[in-house]
N, C-alpha and C. Protein backbone atom coordinates (compact mmCIF):
# COMPACT_ATOMS: atom_id res chain seq x y z
N MET A 1 114.28 113.63 198.66
CA MET A 1 115.72 113.55 198.73
C MET A 1 116.30 114.74 199.48
N SER A 2 115.65 115.92 199.28
CA SER A 2 116.14 117.16 199.95
C SER A 2 115.94 117.01 201.49
N THR A 3 114.91 116.31 201.89
CA THR A 3 114.84 116.15 203.40
C THR A 3 115.88 115.31 203.92
N TYR A 4 116.37 114.26 203.21
CA TYR A 4 117.44 113.48 203.65
C TYR A 4 118.76 114.23 203.70
N ILE A 5 118.92 115.15 202.75
CA ILE A 5 120.17 116.01 202.75
C ILE A 5 120.13 116.88 203.93
N ASN A 6 118.88 117.47 204.24
CA ASN A 6 118.78 118.32 205.38
C ASN A 6 119.10 117.57 206.71
N VAL A 7 118.80 116.28 206.72
CA VAL A 7 119.09 115.48 207.96
C VAL A 7 120.67 115.29 208.00
N VAL A 8 121.28 115.15 206.83
CA VAL A 8 122.71 115.01 206.81
C VAL A 8 123.41 116.35 207.35
N ARG A 9 122.82 117.41 206.90
CA ARG A 9 123.33 118.73 207.31
C ARG A 9 123.14 118.91 208.84
N TYR A 10 122.00 118.44 209.33
CA TYR A 10 121.76 118.52 210.75
C TYR A 10 122.76 117.78 211.54
N HIS A 11 123.13 116.62 211.06
CA HIS A 11 124.20 115.81 211.80
C HIS A 11 125.49 116.47 211.71
N LEU A 12 125.75 117.09 210.58
CA LEU A 12 127.09 117.64 210.36
C LEU A 12 127.34 118.98 211.10
N VAL A 13 126.34 119.39 211.82
CA VAL A 13 126.57 120.51 212.74
C VAL A 13 127.65 120.11 213.80
N GLN A 14 127.68 118.80 214.06
CA GLN A 14 128.71 118.30 214.97
C GLN A 14 129.81 117.71 214.09
N ARG A 15 130.50 118.60 213.39
CA ARG A 15 131.54 118.16 212.45
C ARG A 15 132.74 117.35 213.22
N TRP A 16 132.93 117.70 214.39
CA TRP A 16 134.01 117.12 215.16
C TRP A 16 133.78 115.54 215.18
N ILE A 17 132.61 115.12 215.37
CA ILE A 17 132.32 113.69 215.60
C ILE A 17 132.48 112.93 214.17
N TYR A 18 132.01 113.48 213.13
CA TYR A 18 131.90 112.81 211.83
C TYR A 18 133.06 113.12 210.93
N LEU A 19 133.60 114.32 211.01
CA LEU A 19 134.64 114.72 209.96
C LEU A 19 136.00 114.73 210.53
N VAL A 20 136.06 115.12 211.83
CA VAL A 20 137.49 115.38 212.40
C VAL A 20 137.88 114.17 213.12
N MET A 21 137.11 113.68 214.09
CA MET A 21 137.50 112.62 215.00
C MET A 21 138.02 111.25 214.20
N PRO A 22 137.31 110.87 213.26
CA PRO A 22 137.70 109.61 212.56
C PRO A 22 139.21 109.75 212.02
N MET A 23 139.46 110.76 211.32
CA MET A 23 140.77 110.93 210.73
C MET A 23 141.87 111.29 211.75
N ALA A 24 141.34 111.97 212.89
CA ALA A 24 142.24 112.36 213.89
C ALA A 24 142.76 111.05 214.62
N VAL A 25 141.82 110.21 214.94
CA VAL A 25 142.14 108.90 215.59
C VAL A 25 142.95 108.09 214.68
N LEU A 26 142.67 107.98 213.41
CA LEU A 26 143.44 107.18 212.41
C LEU A 26 144.87 107.84 212.34
N ALA A 27 144.99 109.10 212.35
CA ALA A 27 146.30 109.72 212.20
C ALA A 27 147.16 109.47 213.46
N PHE A 28 146.46 109.58 214.57
CA PHE A 28 147.16 109.38 215.92
C PHE A 28 147.65 107.92 216.01
N ALA A 29 146.84 106.93 215.65
CA ALA A 29 147.26 105.56 215.66
C ALA A 29 148.39 105.24 214.69
N PHE A 30 148.26 105.86 213.50
CA PHE A 30 149.24 105.71 212.45
C PHE A 30 150.61 106.33 212.95
N GLY A 31 150.55 107.42 213.64
CA GLY A 31 151.80 108.08 214.15
C GLY A 31 152.46 107.14 215.15
N ILE A 32 151.67 106.59 216.08
CA ILE A 32 152.22 105.68 217.02
C ILE A 32 153.00 104.50 216.33
N VAL A 33 152.29 103.93 215.38
CA VAL A 33 152.78 102.74 214.74
C VAL A 33 154.16 103.12 214.05
N LEU A 34 154.15 104.18 213.34
CA LEU A 34 155.30 104.66 212.67
C LEU A 34 156.41 104.91 213.58
N THR A 35 156.22 105.48 214.71
CA THR A 35 157.18 105.70 215.76
C THR A 35 157.74 104.40 216.31
N ILE A 36 156.90 103.45 216.52
CA ILE A 36 157.37 102.21 217.08
C ILE A 36 158.23 101.51 216.15
N PHE A 37 157.90 101.49 214.86
CA PHE A 37 158.60 100.81 213.84
C PHE A 37 159.92 101.55 213.42
N ALA A 38 159.98 102.85 213.56
CA ALA A 38 161.17 103.61 213.41
C ALA A 38 162.30 103.21 214.50
N LEU A 39 161.74 103.04 215.65
CA LEU A 39 162.66 102.63 216.76
C LEU A 39 162.98 101.15 216.83
N THR A 40 162.02 100.34 216.36
CA THR A 40 162.25 98.85 216.26
C THR A 40 161.92 98.43 215.02
N PRO A 41 162.81 98.50 213.94
CA PRO A 41 162.53 98.15 212.53
C PRO A 41 161.92 96.80 212.36
N ALA A 42 161.09 96.66 211.53
CA ALA A 42 160.43 95.34 211.09
C ALA A 42 161.46 94.47 210.51
N GLY A 43 161.21 93.12 210.55
CA GLY A 43 162.02 92.13 209.93
C GLY A 43 161.92 92.15 208.39
N PRO A 44 162.58 91.14 207.73
CA PRO A 44 162.56 91.07 206.32
C PRO A 44 161.19 90.94 205.70
N GLY A 45 160.21 90.39 206.43
CA GLY A 45 158.81 90.28 205.90
C GLY A 45 158.06 91.43 206.14
N GLY A 46 158.47 92.46 206.81
CA GLY A 46 157.74 93.71 207.01
C GLY A 46 156.79 93.41 208.18
N GLY A 47 156.19 94.52 208.65
CA GLY A 47 155.26 94.51 209.75
C GLY A 47 153.90 94.86 209.40
N HIS A 48 152.94 93.82 209.57
CA HIS A 48 151.52 94.09 209.30
C HIS A 48 150.90 94.38 210.61
N VAL A 49 150.15 95.54 210.67
CA VAL A 49 149.37 95.97 211.80
C VAL A 49 147.95 96.12 211.42
N GLY A 50 147.01 95.99 212.37
CA GLY A 50 145.63 96.15 212.10
C GLY A 50 144.99 97.41 212.67
N SER A 51 145.79 98.37 212.91
CA SER A 51 145.38 99.60 213.60
C SER A 51 144.46 100.49 212.80
N VAL A 52 144.41 100.15 211.42
CA VAL A 52 143.43 100.82 210.59
C VAL A 52 141.99 100.62 211.04
N ALA A 53 141.82 99.53 211.83
CA ALA A 53 140.48 99.23 212.41
C ALA A 53 140.00 100.33 213.31
N SER A 54 140.85 101.26 213.72
CA SER A 54 140.44 102.43 214.61
C SER A 54 139.39 103.23 213.95
N ILE A 55 139.56 103.52 212.65
CA ILE A 55 138.51 104.33 212.01
C ILE A 55 137.24 103.65 211.81
N PHE A 56 137.26 102.28 211.72
CA PHE A 56 135.94 101.52 211.65
C PHE A 56 135.29 101.67 213.04
N CYS A 57 136.04 101.52 214.14
CA CYS A 57 135.44 101.64 215.42
C CYS A 57 134.85 103.06 215.65
N VAL A 58 135.50 104.10 215.22
CA VAL A 58 135.03 105.43 215.36
C VAL A 58 133.62 105.68 214.63
N LEU A 59 133.59 105.03 213.47
CA LEU A 59 132.27 105.19 212.67
C LEU A 59 131.18 104.41 213.36
N PHE A 60 131.52 103.28 213.97
CA PHE A 60 130.55 102.58 214.83
C PHE A 60 129.93 103.48 215.92
N VAL A 61 130.81 104.10 216.63
CA VAL A 61 130.44 105.06 217.72
C VAL A 61 129.66 106.22 217.13
N GLY A 62 130.04 106.67 216.05
CA GLY A 62 129.30 107.72 215.27
C GLY A 62 127.87 107.36 215.03
N GLY A 63 127.74 106.05 214.52
CA GLY A 63 126.47 105.53 214.26
C GLY A 63 125.52 105.44 215.53
N ILE A 64 126.16 105.15 216.66
CA ILE A 64 125.36 105.09 217.92
C ILE A 64 124.87 106.52 218.27
N LEU A 65 125.81 107.52 218.15
CA LEU A 65 125.48 108.76 218.61
C LEU A 65 124.34 109.52 217.72
N THR A 66 124.26 109.16 216.39
CA THR A 66 123.26 109.73 215.56
C THR A 66 121.96 109.50 215.91
N LEU A 67 121.69 108.34 216.63
CA LEU A 67 120.29 108.08 216.96
C LEU A 67 120.07 107.95 218.50
N SER A 68 121.14 107.92 219.26
CA SER A 68 120.93 107.86 220.71
C SER A 68 120.83 109.31 221.30
N ARG A 69 121.51 110.20 220.65
CA ARG A 69 121.61 111.58 221.30
C ARG A 69 120.96 112.64 220.39
N SER A 70 121.02 112.46 219.10
CA SER A 70 120.50 113.57 218.21
C SER A 70 119.08 113.33 217.73
N LEU A 71 118.51 112.20 218.03
CA LEU A 71 117.17 111.92 217.47
C LEU A 71 116.08 112.81 218.08
N PRO A 72 115.94 113.06 219.40
CA PRO A 72 114.80 113.85 219.89
C PRO A 72 114.80 115.23 219.24
N PHE A 73 115.82 115.98 219.18
CA PHE A 73 115.83 117.28 218.66
C PHE A 73 115.48 117.24 217.10
N GLY A 74 116.07 116.11 216.48
CA GLY A 74 115.79 116.05 215.00
C GLY A 74 114.29 115.92 214.74
N LEU A 75 113.64 115.07 215.54
CA LEU A 75 112.14 114.86 215.34
C LEU A 75 111.45 116.05 215.78
N ALA A 76 111.91 116.80 216.73
CA ALA A 76 111.32 118.09 217.17
C ALA A 76 111.24 119.18 216.04
N LEU A 77 112.16 118.99 215.15
CA LEU A 77 112.18 120.02 213.98
C LEU A 77 111.23 119.64 212.95
N GLY A 78 110.44 118.53 213.17
CA GLY A 78 109.36 118.19 212.18
C GLY A 78 109.68 117.13 211.23
N VAL A 79 110.85 116.53 211.34
CA VAL A 79 111.25 115.40 210.39
C VAL A 79 110.57 114.17 210.79
N THR A 80 110.13 113.43 209.89
CA THR A 80 109.48 112.11 210.19
C THR A 80 110.52 111.08 210.49
N ARG A 81 110.08 110.08 211.18
CA ARG A 81 111.09 109.00 211.62
C ARG A 81 111.73 108.38 210.34
N ARG A 82 111.00 108.14 209.40
CA ARG A 82 111.49 107.42 208.17
C ARG A 82 112.45 108.33 207.51
N SER A 83 112.22 109.64 207.43
CA SER A 83 113.10 110.56 206.73
C SER A 83 114.45 110.66 207.58
N TYR A 84 114.23 110.77 208.91
CA TYR A 84 115.46 110.93 209.79
C TYR A 84 116.34 109.71 209.58
N TYR A 85 115.70 108.45 209.65
CA TYR A 85 116.40 107.25 209.48
C TYR A 85 117.23 107.19 208.20
N PHE A 86 116.54 107.45 207.06
CA PHE A 86 117.23 107.27 205.78
C PHE A 86 118.20 108.46 205.51
N GLY A 87 117.88 109.63 206.09
CA GLY A 87 118.87 110.70 205.98
C GLY A 87 120.09 110.41 206.82
N THR A 88 119.93 109.61 207.96
CA THR A 88 121.13 109.18 208.74
C THR A 88 121.91 108.13 208.02
N VAL A 89 121.13 107.28 207.36
CA VAL A 89 121.82 106.21 206.46
C VAL A 89 122.68 106.88 205.42
N LEU A 90 122.02 108.00 204.84
CA LEU A 90 122.76 108.70 203.74
C LEU A 90 124.12 109.29 204.27
N LEU A 91 124.06 109.77 205.51
CA LEU A 91 125.27 110.29 206.18
C LEU A 91 126.23 109.19 206.26
N GLY A 92 125.81 107.97 206.83
CA GLY A 92 126.78 106.77 207.00
C GLY A 92 127.40 106.38 205.66
N VAL A 93 126.55 106.37 204.66
CA VAL A 93 127.04 105.91 203.25
C VAL A 93 128.11 106.95 202.75
N THR A 94 127.81 108.21 202.95
CA THR A 94 128.64 109.36 202.47
C THR A 94 130.08 109.27 203.21
N LEU A 95 129.97 109.12 204.56
CA LEU A 95 131.18 108.98 205.29
C LEU A 95 131.97 107.79 204.91
N ALA A 96 131.28 106.68 204.75
CA ALA A 96 131.97 105.46 204.33
C ALA A 96 132.69 105.56 203.06
N ALA A 97 132.04 106.26 202.09
CA ALA A 97 132.59 106.52 200.82
C ALA A 97 133.78 107.35 200.88
N VAL A 98 133.80 108.49 201.64
CA VAL A 98 134.94 109.26 201.76
C VAL A 98 136.09 108.67 202.49
N TYR A 99 135.85 107.88 203.57
CA TYR A 99 136.99 107.29 204.36
C TYR A 99 137.51 106.10 203.63
N SER A 100 136.71 105.38 202.85
CA SER A 100 137.16 104.26 202.02
C SER A 100 138.10 104.80 200.99
N LEU A 101 137.80 105.91 200.34
CA LEU A 101 138.62 106.48 199.38
C LEU A 101 140.00 106.89 200.02
N ALA A 102 139.92 107.43 201.27
CA ALA A 102 141.14 107.81 201.94
C ALA A 102 142.02 106.61 202.24
N ILE A 103 141.39 105.49 202.73
CA ILE A 103 142.09 104.33 202.95
C ILE A 103 142.73 103.77 201.69
N THR A 104 142.04 103.75 200.59
CA THR A 104 142.51 103.21 199.35
C THR A 104 143.73 104.12 198.76
N GLY A 105 143.58 105.42 198.94
CA GLY A 105 144.64 106.28 198.56
C GLY A 105 145.93 106.14 199.40
N LEU A 106 145.67 106.08 200.71
CA LEU A 106 146.90 105.89 201.61
C LEU A 106 147.52 104.53 201.40
N GLN A 107 146.72 103.53 201.09
CA GLN A 107 147.21 102.22 200.81
C GLN A 107 148.14 102.29 199.54
N ALA A 108 147.69 102.98 198.58
CA ALA A 108 148.48 103.15 197.35
C ALA A 108 149.86 103.80 197.59
N ILE A 109 149.82 104.84 198.41
CA ILE A 109 151.10 105.45 198.83
C ILE A 109 151.96 104.44 199.53
N GLU A 110 151.32 103.71 200.45
CA GLU A 110 152.14 102.78 201.29
C GLU A 110 152.71 101.70 200.40
N ARG A 111 152.11 101.27 199.34
CA ARG A 111 152.67 100.24 198.42
C ARG A 111 153.78 100.94 197.69
N ALA A 112 153.64 102.19 197.18
CA ALA A 112 154.59 102.88 196.36
C ALA A 112 155.91 103.13 197.15
N THR A 113 155.77 103.43 198.52
CA THR A 113 156.87 103.73 199.32
C THR A 113 157.47 102.57 200.03
N GLY A 114 157.07 101.35 199.74
CA GLY A 114 157.57 100.18 200.40
C GLY A 114 157.27 100.21 201.92
N GLY A 115 156.03 100.50 202.26
CA GLY A 115 155.61 100.53 203.66
C GLY A 115 156.22 101.76 204.38
N TRP A 116 156.06 102.99 203.72
CA TRP A 116 156.56 104.18 204.29
C TRP A 116 158.04 104.21 204.68
N GLY A 117 158.78 103.47 203.84
CA GLY A 117 160.22 103.42 204.06
C GLY A 117 160.63 102.57 205.24
N LEU A 118 159.58 101.97 205.90
CA LEU A 118 159.95 101.16 207.09
C LEU A 118 159.34 99.75 207.03
N SER A 119 158.97 99.41 205.92
CA SER A 119 158.28 98.06 205.74
C SER A 119 157.02 97.91 206.69
N VAL A 120 156.32 99.02 206.81
CA VAL A 120 155.16 99.00 207.70
C VAL A 120 153.89 98.92 206.79
N TYR A 121 153.11 97.94 207.05
CA TYR A 121 151.87 97.75 206.26
C TYR A 121 150.69 98.01 207.13
N TYR A 122 150.33 99.36 207.18
CA TYR A 122 149.29 99.83 208.11
C TYR A 122 147.92 99.76 207.40
N PHE A 123 147.90 100.08 206.17
CA PHE A 123 146.69 100.14 205.47
C PHE A 123 146.40 98.91 204.55
N ARG A 124 147.28 97.98 204.61
CA ARG A 124 147.11 96.71 204.00
C ARG A 124 146.90 95.69 205.01
N VAL A 125 145.76 95.09 205.06
CA VAL A 125 145.36 94.13 206.05
C VAL A 125 145.33 92.81 205.40
N THR A 126 146.02 91.81 205.91
CA THR A 126 146.08 90.51 205.31
C THR A 126 144.72 89.95 205.05
N TYR A 127 144.52 89.41 203.85
CA TYR A 127 143.25 88.85 203.37
C TYR A 127 142.20 89.93 203.12
N LEU A 128 141.86 90.80 203.97
CA LEU A 128 140.74 91.74 203.87
C LEU A 128 141.08 92.82 202.94
N LEU A 129 142.13 93.56 203.18
CA LEU A 129 142.51 94.83 202.38
C LEU A 129 143.92 94.61 201.89
N ASN A 130 144.11 93.63 201.02
CA ASN A 130 145.45 93.34 200.51
C ASN A 130 145.40 92.98 199.03
N GLY A 131 144.27 93.28 198.43
CA GLY A 131 144.16 92.99 196.93
C GLY A 131 144.20 94.21 196.06
N PRO A 132 143.55 94.18 194.89
CA PRO A 132 143.65 95.37 193.97
C PRO A 132 142.96 96.56 194.67
N TRP A 133 143.21 97.74 194.15
CA TRP A 133 142.79 98.93 194.91
C TRP A 133 141.26 99.09 194.86
N TYR A 134 140.59 98.53 193.72
CA TYR A 134 139.16 98.63 193.76
C TYR A 134 138.54 97.68 194.75
N LEU A 135 139.15 96.52 195.04
CA LEU A 135 138.65 95.71 196.07
C LEU A 135 138.80 96.24 197.39
N THR A 136 140.00 96.86 197.71
CA THR A 136 140.21 97.59 198.98
C THR A 136 139.13 98.70 199.12
N LEU A 137 138.82 99.36 198.09
CA LEU A 137 137.81 100.44 198.13
C LEU A 137 136.45 99.90 198.47
N LEU A 138 136.12 98.70 197.78
CA LEU A 138 134.79 98.17 198.06
C LEU A 138 134.66 97.54 199.40
N THR A 139 135.64 96.86 199.82
CA THR A 139 135.59 96.11 201.07
C THR A 139 135.60 97.16 202.28
N SER A 140 136.42 98.16 202.17
CA SER A 140 136.36 99.12 203.22
C SER A 140 135.12 99.88 203.22
N PHE A 141 134.53 100.20 202.04
CA PHE A 141 133.26 100.96 202.05
C PHE A 141 132.10 100.04 202.73
N VAL A 142 132.10 98.91 202.38
CA VAL A 142 131.02 97.89 202.87
C VAL A 142 131.25 97.80 204.36
N GLY A 143 132.47 97.59 204.79
CA GLY A 143 132.80 97.45 206.27
C GLY A 143 132.43 98.71 207.08
N LEU A 144 132.79 99.87 206.55
CA LEU A 144 132.46 101.10 207.22
C LEU A 144 130.92 101.32 207.32
N THR A 145 130.26 101.03 206.21
CA THR A 145 128.85 101.18 206.26
C THR A 145 128.25 100.25 207.17
N LEU A 146 128.70 99.06 207.20
CA LEU A 146 128.09 98.01 208.13
C LEU A 146 128.23 98.48 209.54
N LEU A 147 129.40 98.96 209.96
CA LEU A 147 129.52 99.29 211.38
C LEU A 147 128.79 100.56 211.68
N PHE A 148 128.65 101.54 210.86
CA PHE A 148 127.80 102.66 211.07
C PHE A 148 126.34 102.28 211.26
N VAL A 149 125.86 101.45 210.38
CA VAL A 149 124.51 100.97 210.52
C VAL A 149 124.25 100.14 211.74
N PHE A 150 125.19 99.33 212.11
CA PHE A 150 125.11 98.50 213.25
C PHE A 150 125.04 99.40 214.52
N GLY A 151 125.96 100.46 214.51
CA GLY A 151 125.91 101.50 215.61
C GLY A 151 124.63 102.16 215.67
N MET A 152 124.05 102.53 214.53
CA MET A 152 122.56 103.10 214.52
C MET A 152 121.65 102.23 215.28
N TRP A 153 121.67 100.97 215.05
CA TRP A 153 120.75 100.04 215.66
C TRP A 153 120.94 100.01 217.21
N PHE A 154 122.17 100.13 217.64
CA PHE A 154 122.50 100.20 219.06
C PHE A 154 121.84 101.49 219.58
N GLY A 155 122.09 102.53 218.88
CA GLY A 155 121.50 103.87 219.34
C GLY A 155 119.95 103.85 219.36
N LEU A 156 119.28 103.16 218.44
CA LEU A 156 117.84 102.98 218.44
C LEU A 156 117.37 102.24 219.61
N VAL A 157 118.02 101.12 219.94
CA VAL A 157 117.69 100.20 221.02
C VAL A 157 117.79 101.04 222.37
N TYR A 158 118.95 101.85 222.48
CA TYR A 158 119.04 102.69 223.67
C TYR A 158 117.97 103.67 223.77
N ARG A 159 117.63 104.36 222.68
CA ARG A 159 116.58 105.32 222.66
C ARG A 159 115.27 104.88 222.98
N ARG A 160 115.04 103.56 222.55
CA ARG A 160 113.69 102.96 222.79
C ARG A 160 113.51 102.35 224.20
N TRP A 161 114.63 101.62 224.64
CA TRP A 161 114.48 100.88 225.86
C TRP A 161 115.51 101.28 226.97
N ASN A 162 116.27 102.29 226.76
CA ASN A 162 117.24 102.82 227.68
C ASN A 162 118.31 101.81 227.89
N VAL A 163 119.04 101.92 229.05
CA VAL A 163 120.22 101.07 229.35
C VAL A 163 119.72 99.68 229.52
N THR A 164 118.65 99.40 230.21
CA THR A 164 118.21 98.03 230.40
C THR A 164 117.94 97.34 229.10
N GLY A 165 117.36 97.96 228.16
CA GLY A 165 117.09 97.41 226.87
C GLY A 165 118.39 97.16 226.12
N LEU A 166 119.35 98.11 226.23
CA LEU A 166 120.56 97.90 225.53
C LEU A 166 121.37 96.73 226.03
N VAL A 167 121.39 96.57 227.40
CA VAL A 167 122.05 95.40 227.95
C VAL A 167 121.36 94.16 227.53
N ALA A 168 120.04 94.13 227.50
CA ALA A 168 119.27 92.90 226.99
C ALA A 168 119.62 92.67 225.61
N PHE A 169 119.72 93.77 224.77
CA PHE A 169 119.99 93.53 223.31
C PHE A 169 121.32 92.92 223.14
N ILE A 170 122.35 93.46 223.87
CA ILE A 170 123.72 92.87 223.82
C ILE A 170 123.70 91.38 224.30
N ALA A 171 123.04 91.10 225.39
CA ALA A 171 122.86 89.83 225.87
C ALA A 171 122.17 88.89 224.84
N ALA A 172 121.21 89.36 224.06
CA ALA A 172 120.62 88.57 223.10
C ALA A 172 121.54 88.20 221.93
N LEU A 173 122.37 89.21 221.56
CA LEU A 173 123.37 89.01 220.49
C LEU A 173 124.33 87.90 220.93
N VAL A 174 124.89 87.98 222.21
CA VAL A 174 125.82 87.01 222.70
C VAL A 174 125.14 85.65 222.74
N THR A 175 123.90 85.55 223.23
CA THR A 175 123.13 84.26 223.28
C THR A 175 123.02 83.72 221.97
N LEU A 176 122.77 84.56 220.98
CA LEU A 176 122.56 84.07 219.60
C LEU A 176 123.81 83.40 219.07
N LEU A 177 124.97 84.14 219.35
CA LEU A 177 126.19 83.62 218.96
C LEU A 177 126.60 82.37 219.62
N LEU A 178 126.29 82.23 220.98
CA LEU A 178 126.65 81.08 221.74
C LEU A 178 125.68 79.85 221.24
N GLY A 179 124.45 80.19 220.97
CA GLY A 179 123.56 79.21 220.45
C GLY A 179 124.02 78.62 219.08
N GLY A 180 124.48 79.56 218.23
CA GLY A 180 125.03 79.07 216.95
C GLY A 180 126.16 78.21 217.12
N ALA A 181 127.09 78.64 218.11
CA ALA A 181 128.24 77.78 218.37
C ALA A 181 127.87 76.36 218.89
N LEU A 182 126.92 76.32 219.75
CA LEU A 182 126.41 75.03 220.34
C LEU A 182 125.79 74.26 219.28
N LEU A 183 125.04 74.84 218.37
CA LEU A 183 124.44 74.10 217.29
C LEU A 183 125.42 73.53 216.30
N ALA A 184 126.40 74.32 216.04
CA ALA A 184 127.48 73.77 215.09
C ALA A 184 128.12 72.67 215.81
N THR A 185 128.41 72.73 217.08
CA THR A 185 129.07 71.69 217.83
C THR A 185 128.20 70.34 217.79
N TRP A 186 126.88 70.58 218.08
CA TRP A 186 125.99 69.45 218.15
C TRP A 186 125.91 68.75 216.67
N ALA A 187 125.93 69.57 215.64
CA ALA A 187 125.85 68.99 214.33
C ALA A 187 127.21 68.64 213.74
N SER A 188 128.28 68.65 214.54
CA SER A 188 129.63 68.44 214.08
C SER A 188 129.90 69.16 212.76
N ALA A 189 129.53 70.45 212.70
CA ALA A 189 129.61 71.33 211.43
C ALA A 189 130.85 72.13 211.46
N TRP A 190 131.67 72.18 212.46
CA TRP A 190 132.74 73.15 212.54
C TRP A 190 133.73 72.87 211.33
N ALA A 191 133.97 71.68 210.83
CA ALA A 191 134.94 71.40 209.85
C ALA A 191 134.38 72.11 208.58
N SER A 192 133.06 71.92 208.38
CA SER A 192 132.44 72.50 207.17
C SER A 192 132.40 74.02 207.24
N ILE A 193 132.21 74.55 208.41
CA ILE A 193 132.11 76.00 208.56
C ILE A 193 133.60 76.50 208.34
N GLY A 194 134.64 75.85 208.82
CA GLY A 194 136.01 76.29 208.71
C GLY A 194 136.33 76.25 207.23
N HIS A 195 135.97 75.20 206.55
CA HIS A 195 136.28 75.05 205.14
C HIS A 195 135.58 76.17 204.32
N PHE A 196 134.36 76.48 204.65
CA PHE A 196 133.66 77.58 203.96
C PHE A 196 134.43 78.89 204.06
N PHE A 197 134.78 79.33 205.24
CA PHE A 197 135.45 80.55 205.42
C PHE A 197 136.89 80.56 204.94
N THR A 198 137.62 79.48 205.05
CA THR A 198 138.97 79.57 204.58
C THR A 198 138.98 79.49 202.96
N SER A 199 138.01 78.96 202.44
CA SER A 199 137.88 79.03 200.98
C SER A 199 137.20 80.22 200.34
N LEU A 200 136.69 81.11 201.32
CA LEU A 200 135.95 82.18 200.86
C LEU A 200 137.00 83.39 200.47
N SER A 201 136.79 83.95 199.37
CA SER A 201 137.64 85.04 198.94
C SER A 201 137.25 86.37 199.57
N ALA A 202 138.19 87.33 199.55
CA ALA A 202 137.78 88.62 200.13
C ALA A 202 136.53 89.23 199.50
N SER A 203 136.50 89.08 198.18
CA SER A 203 135.29 89.60 197.54
C SER A 203 134.01 88.93 198.00
N GLY A 204 134.18 87.57 198.16
CA GLY A 204 133.01 86.85 198.68
C GLY A 204 132.66 87.19 200.06
N LEU A 205 133.55 87.54 200.89
CA LEU A 205 133.28 88.01 202.26
C LEU A 205 132.64 89.37 202.17
N THR A 206 133.11 90.21 201.30
CA THR A 206 132.49 91.53 201.07
C THR A 206 131.04 91.41 200.72
N GLY A 207 130.74 90.37 199.81
CA GLY A 207 129.35 90.23 199.56
C GLY A 207 128.56 89.84 200.75
N LEU A 208 128.98 88.97 201.55
CA LEU A 208 128.25 88.50 202.80
C LEU A 208 128.11 89.67 203.72
N LEU A 209 129.11 90.62 203.83
CA LEU A 209 128.97 91.76 204.63
C LEU A 209 127.91 92.73 204.12
N ALA A 210 127.92 92.84 202.79
CA ALA A 210 126.86 93.69 202.12
C ALA A 210 125.45 93.24 202.40
N ALA A 211 125.33 91.90 202.37
CA ALA A 211 124.03 91.27 202.70
C ALA A 211 123.57 91.50 204.16
N LEU A 212 124.56 91.35 205.04
CA LEU A 212 124.41 91.67 206.52
C LEU A 212 123.94 93.10 206.74
N THR A 213 124.57 93.96 206.05
CA THR A 213 124.37 95.44 206.12
C THR A 213 122.78 95.64 205.73
N ALA A 214 122.42 95.02 204.67
CA ALA A 214 121.04 95.14 204.17
C ALA A 214 120.04 94.69 205.27
N ALA A 215 120.39 93.57 205.89
CA ALA A 215 119.50 93.04 206.96
C ALA A 215 119.50 93.93 208.12
N LEU A 216 120.64 94.47 208.49
CA LEU A 216 120.62 95.47 209.62
C LEU A 216 119.84 96.75 209.25
N LEU A 217 119.80 97.16 208.02
CA LEU A 217 119.08 98.38 207.66
C LEU A 217 117.62 98.10 207.82
N VAL A 218 117.14 96.90 207.42
CA VAL A 218 115.70 96.51 207.56
C VAL A 218 115.37 96.46 209.09
N GLY A 219 116.19 95.75 209.83
CA GLY A 219 115.94 95.66 211.34
C GLY A 219 115.95 97.00 211.96
N GLY A 220 116.83 97.91 211.53
CA GLY A 220 116.88 99.25 212.15
C GLY A 220 115.66 100.06 211.85
N LEU A 221 115.12 99.94 210.60
CA LEU A 221 113.94 100.64 210.19
C LEU A 221 112.72 100.22 210.99
N ALA A 222 112.60 98.83 211.26
CA ALA A 222 111.55 98.30 212.03
C ALA A 222 111.71 98.82 213.47
N THR A 223 112.86 98.93 214.00
CA THR A 223 112.91 99.48 215.36
C THR A 223 112.68 100.94 215.39
N MET A 224 113.00 101.71 214.40
CA MET A 224 112.86 103.09 214.32
C MET A 224 111.27 103.44 214.42
N ARG A 225 110.51 102.73 213.82
CA ARG A 225 109.02 102.94 213.87
C ARG A 225 108.50 102.87 215.26
N ARG A 226 109.18 102.23 216.12
CA ARG A 226 108.68 102.03 217.46
C ARG A 226 109.36 102.88 218.60
N VAL A 227 110.18 103.66 218.13
CA VAL A 227 110.99 104.56 218.99
C VAL A 227 110.13 105.71 219.52
N THR A 228 110.29 105.85 220.83
CA THR A 228 109.58 107.05 221.46
C THR A 228 110.63 108.01 221.96
N VAL A 229 110.41 109.30 221.96
CA VAL A 229 111.32 110.18 222.39
C VAL A 229 110.72 111.23 223.37
């Protein structure tokens, strides 16, 4: 466990990427939204915006950088691939916990102030982050972890196969999605798929995302073992 913590410390030498930039981007986007709604007030139903997604995107980029840029020097320090991988996962989980707590706390303030006095619902996202505080905490934690781990996989692919491999990886993901869409069309399954997702609760979706995160972790570990630096 101490080795994993050392890997976390190694990453946090670049505090700007992992500690400053996510909150800075979130605060910047939040400031823009507040300014817009102060100048053009929301209607009776209030204004729901999805700009809180900015911090999720930043964590995805952070996951990419942990393995695309920092891996060679990390391994040169004598850390094994397995230890580096799980130490980086520990970093992602820790960051996800911190930022999900921040989102949950800011959402509580948003509710208490009636949308910051402007009927602005920045941290409350319809369906996903609009339930009890504990569900907001869990869903945001799982979502942040998922994107960080997914970013790690992108970084691993880039480190193993360079730009060509990364383009092929993205093309494979797109092909997989298109293949699934064609299969659903061929089987006339869109109605069933639509019913499944429309009847799925936010907690149920969180469970699916958690399962996907676990699958990405396994896939990333398998890729890590074949990475050359």
